[in-house]
Amino acid sequence: MPSKPLLLIDQDGVLADFDQGVRLAWRAQYHSEAPIGPRQHFYLRDDMAPQYHPQLHDIYTRPGFFATLPPIAGAVEALHTLLAHGLDVHICTAPISNYQNCVAEKFMWVEQHLGHEWVSRIILTKDKTWVRGDILIDDKPQISGSLTPLWTQWLYDAPYNRQYHDRRRVCWQDTASWADLLA
């Protein structure tokens, strides 16, 4: 690995707060709290009763959902800090299968929260194993694809991945968890 690693940063659940976006949209649409159980699974639908899956699907596929996700606390500042320290930072994100709104809105979100210059740092792919990098920071505990990845995964801390202890763990608000990248 070179002295300054090539960082790949996932977007949803690492930069943009997907769970909070669902909760806010659910409250606005249904005037009640989202019926989400304790977060034990990566896919939010797996922590909801099946009868709520159609409403959940409607929420995250509707226009505006991805563009209006709130940032994860500390994420925007952390990415600017990493870039300011000379690291090669890219956002490596996978669109949902119902991509019609998602793809453009991921770009809109990056431009709104990180700035226009970050749009050229987006890598959009359904298979992250094809992307070259040294470190992938992602909240998804099991990333699979058609290749053996060249990157090492660091887990972005989330309740549904805390049973994994085999990888480095990162939280933007805990700068000690990623500060050695700045050295």
Protein backbone atom coordinates (compact mmCIF):
# COMPACT_ATOMS: atom_id res chain seq x y z
CA MET A 1 0.00 0.00 0.00
CA PRO A 2 1.40 3.47 -0.86
CA SER A 3 2.04 5.92 1.96
CA LYS A 4 -1.30 7.62 1.25
CA PRO A 5 -3.97 4.96 0.63
CA LEU A 6 -6.70 5.11 -1.97
CA LEU A 7 -9.89 5.27 0.11
CA LEU A 8 -13.27 4.09 -1.11
CA ILE A 9 -16.15 5.32 1.04
CA ASP A 10 -19.65 3.88 0.81
CA GLN A 11 -22.48 6.42 0.69
CA ASP A 12 -25.68 5.02 2.26
CA GLY A 13 -25.21 4.19 5.93
CA VAL A 14 -21.70 5.70 5.97
CA LEU A 15 -22.17 9.24 4.63
CA ALA A 16 -25.95 9.50 4.17
CA ASP A 17 -28.25 8.27 6.95
CA PHE A 18 -30.58 5.85 5.15
CA ASP A 19 -32.28 4.65 8.35
CA GLN A 20 -33.03 8.17 9.56
CA GLY A 21 -34.28 9.08 6.09
CA VAL A 22 -36.76 6.19 6.22
CA ARG A 23 -37.89 7.20 9.71
CA LEU A 24 -38.44 10.83 8.67
CA ALA A 25 -40.28 9.89 5.46
CA TRP A 26 -42.42 7.32 7.27
CA ARG A 27 -43.43 9.87 9.90
CA ALA A 28 -44.29 12.43 7.21
CA GLN A 29 -46.28 9.93 5.12
CA TYR A 30 -48.03 7.85 7.79
CA HIS A 31 -48.02 10.18 10.84
CA SER A 32 -46.55 7.45 13.02
CA GLU A 33 -43.16 6.03 13.89
CA ALA A 34 -41.69 3.56 11.41
CA PRO A 35 -42.30 -0.01 12.62
CA ILE A 36 -38.63 -0.92 12.64
CA GLY A 37 -37.44 -3.46 15.16
CA PRO A 38 -33.98 -3.48 16.70
CA ARG A 39 -31.41 -3.18 13.89
CA GLN A 40 -29.93 -6.66 13.56
CA HIS A 41 -29.74 -7.01 9.77
CA PHE A 42 -28.09 -4.96 7.06
CA TYR A 43 -31.28 -4.70 5.01
CA LEU A 44 -33.82 -2.57 6.85
CA ARG A 45 -36.72 -4.64 5.51
CA ASP A 46 -35.36 -7.62 7.45
CA ASP A 47 -35.98 -5.69 10.68
CA MET A 48 -39.63 -4.95 9.77
CA ALA A 49 -42.69 -7.15 9.65
CA PRO A 50 -43.45 -8.26 6.05
CA GLN A 51 -46.76 -6.39 5.93
CA TYR A 52 -44.78 -3.10 5.98
CA HIS A 53 -42.45 -3.99 3.10
CA PRO A 54 -44.62 -2.34 0.39
CA GLN A 55 -44.67 0.98 2.29
CA LEU A 56 -40.91 0.78 2.86
CA HIS A 57 -40.31 0.10 -0.84
CA ASP A 58 -42.55 3.05 -1.73
CA ILE A 59 -40.55 5.34 0.55
CA TYR A 60 -37.06 4.55 -0.72
CA THR A 61 -38.02 4.45 -4.41
CA ARG A 62 -39.98 7.70 -4.49
CA PRO A 63 -38.48 10.86 -5.99
CA GLY A 64 -36.49 12.89 -3.48
CA PHE A 65 -35.70 10.16 -0.98
CA PHE A 66 -31.98 9.73 -1.67
CA ALA A 67 -31.41 13.43 -2.33
CA THR A 68 -32.80 14.41 1.06
CA LEU A 69 -31.10 11.86 3.30
CA PRO A 70 -29.50 13.57 6.29
CA PRO A 71 -25.72 13.26 6.58
CA ILE A 72 -24.27 10.84 9.14
CA ALA A 73 -22.90 12.87 12.05
CA GLY A 74 -19.31 13.86 11.36
CA ALA A 75 -19.19 12.36 7.84
CA VAL A 76 -18.93 15.55 5.81
CA GLU A 77 -16.22 16.98 8.03
CA ALA A 78 -14.31 13.67 8.02
CA LEU A 79 -14.24 13.44 4.22
CA HIS A 80 -13.03 17.02 3.88
CA THR A 81 -10.34 16.29 6.48
CA LEU A 82 -9.19 13.14 4.68
CA LEU A 83 -8.97 14.99 1.37
CA ALA A 84 -7.20 17.98 2.96
CA HIS A 85 -4.53 15.58 4.25
CA GLY A 86 -3.75 14.50 0.70
CA LEU A 87 -5.59 11.18 0.60
CA ASP A 88 -7.18 9.99 -2.62
CA VAL A 89 -10.80 9.68 -1.49
CA HIS A 90 -13.64 8.35 -3.66
CA ILE A 91 -17.27 7.61 -2.90
CA CYS A 92 -17.99 4.03 -3.96
CA THR A 93 -21.73 3.49 -3.92
CA ALA A 94 -24.18 0.92 -5.25
CA PRO A 95 -27.57 2.03 -6.57
CA ILE A 96 -30.71 0.16 -5.62
CA SER A 97 -32.23 -2.01 -8.34
CA ASN A 98 -35.09 0.48 -8.78
CA TYR A 99 -32.48 3.02 -9.85
CA GLN A 100 -34.70 5.57 -11.63
CA ASN A 101 -34.47 8.18 -8.85
CA CYS A 102 -31.60 6.78 -6.83
CA VAL A 103 -28.72 7.31 -9.28
CA ALA A 104 -29.25 11.00 -9.99
CA GLU A 105 -30.13 11.70 -6.36
CA LYS A 106 -26.90 10.12 -5.07
CA PHE A 107 -25.02 12.65 -7.23
CA MET A 108 -27.28 15.46 -6.00
CA TRP A 109 -26.65 14.47 -2.39
CA VAL A 110 -22.88 14.51 -2.87
CA GLU A 111 -22.97 17.91 -4.57
CA GLN A 112 -25.23 19.39 -1.89
CA HIS A 113 -23.31 18.09 1.13
CA LEU A 114 -19.71 17.79 -0.09
CA GLY A 115 -19.55 20.25 -2.97
CA HIS A 116 -19.52 20.08 -6.76
CA GLU A 117 -15.86 19.01 -6.90
CA TRP A 118 -16.81 15.74 -5.15
CA VAL A 119 -19.15 14.68 -7.98
CA SER A 120 -16.10 13.59 -10.00
CA ARG A 121 -15.08 11.38 -7.06
CA ILE A 122 -18.21 9.17 -7.28
CA ILE A 123 -17.82 5.57 -8.40
CA LEU A 124 -21.23 4.01 -9.03
CA THR A 125 -21.21 0.22 -9.24
CA LYS A 126 -23.33 -2.79 -8.37
CA ASP A 127 -20.16 -4.84 -7.74
CA LYS A 128 -17.61 -3.11 -5.51
CA THR A 129 -15.12 -5.96 -5.96
CA TRP A 130 -14.32 -4.52 -9.41
CA VAL A 131 -13.14 -1.21 -7.95
CA ARG A 132 -9.44 -0.69 -7.19
CA GLY A 133 -8.57 0.75 -3.82
CA ASP A 134 -6.64 0.11 -0.64
CA ILE A 135 -9.43 0.52 1.91
CA LEU A 136 -13.22 0.35 1.51
CA ILE A 137 -15.15 1.85 4.42
CA ASP A 138 -18.60 0.28 4.26
CA ASP A 139 -21.35 -0.63 6.74
CA LYS A 140 -22.36 -3.79 4.86
CA PRO A 141 -20.72 -6.67 6.70
CA GLN A 142 -20.69 -9.14 3.80
CA ILE A 143 -19.61 -7.69 0.46
CA SER A 144 -19.54 -10.18 -2.36
CA GLY A 145 -18.93 -9.91 -6.05
CA SER A 146 -17.39 -11.59 -9.04
CA LEU A 147 -13.76 -10.77 -8.13
CA THR A 148 -11.52 -11.04 -5.11
CA PRO A 149 -11.32 -7.41 -3.95
CA LEU A 150 -7.98 -5.59 -3.94
CA TRP A 151 -9.13 -3.45 -1.01
CA THR A 152 -9.36 -4.25 2.68
CA GLN A 153 -12.75 -3.53 4.20
CA TRP A 154 -13.08 -1.39 7.29
CA LEU A 155 -16.57 -1.64 8.78
CA TYR A 156 -18.42 1.58 9.38
CA ASP A 157 -19.98 1.02 12.80
CA ALA A 158 -23.69 0.14 12.81
CA PRO A 159 -25.87 -1.90 15.20
CA TYR A 160 -26.39 -4.60 12.55
CA ASN A 161 -22.67 -5.29 12.06
CA ARG A 162 -21.38 -5.27 15.63
CA GLN A 163 -21.18 -9.07 15.79
CA TYR A 164 -18.25 -8.91 13.33
CA HIS A 165 -14.90 -8.56 15.05
CA ASP A 166 -12.59 -9.55 12.22
CA ARG A 167 -12.23 -6.09 10.66
CA ARG A 168 -11.21 -2.60 11.60
CA ARG A 169 -14.20 -0.51 12.74
CA VAL A 170 -14.71 3.18 11.91
CA CYS A 171 -17.07 5.85 13.26
CA TRP A 172 -16.71 9.43 11.97
CA GLN A 173 -17.44 10.91 15.39
CA ASP A 174 -14.67 8.79 16.93
CA THR A 175 -11.71 10.37 15.16
CA ALA A 176 -9.33 7.93 16.87
CA SER A 177 -10.93 5.15 14.78
CA TRP A 178 -9.61 6.68 11.55
CA ALA A 179 -6.95 9.21 12.62
CA ASP A 180 -4.03 6.99 11.56
CA LEU A 181 -5.12 7.53 7.94
CA LEU A 182 -3.98 11.15 8.38
CA ALA A 183 -0.43 10.25 9.44
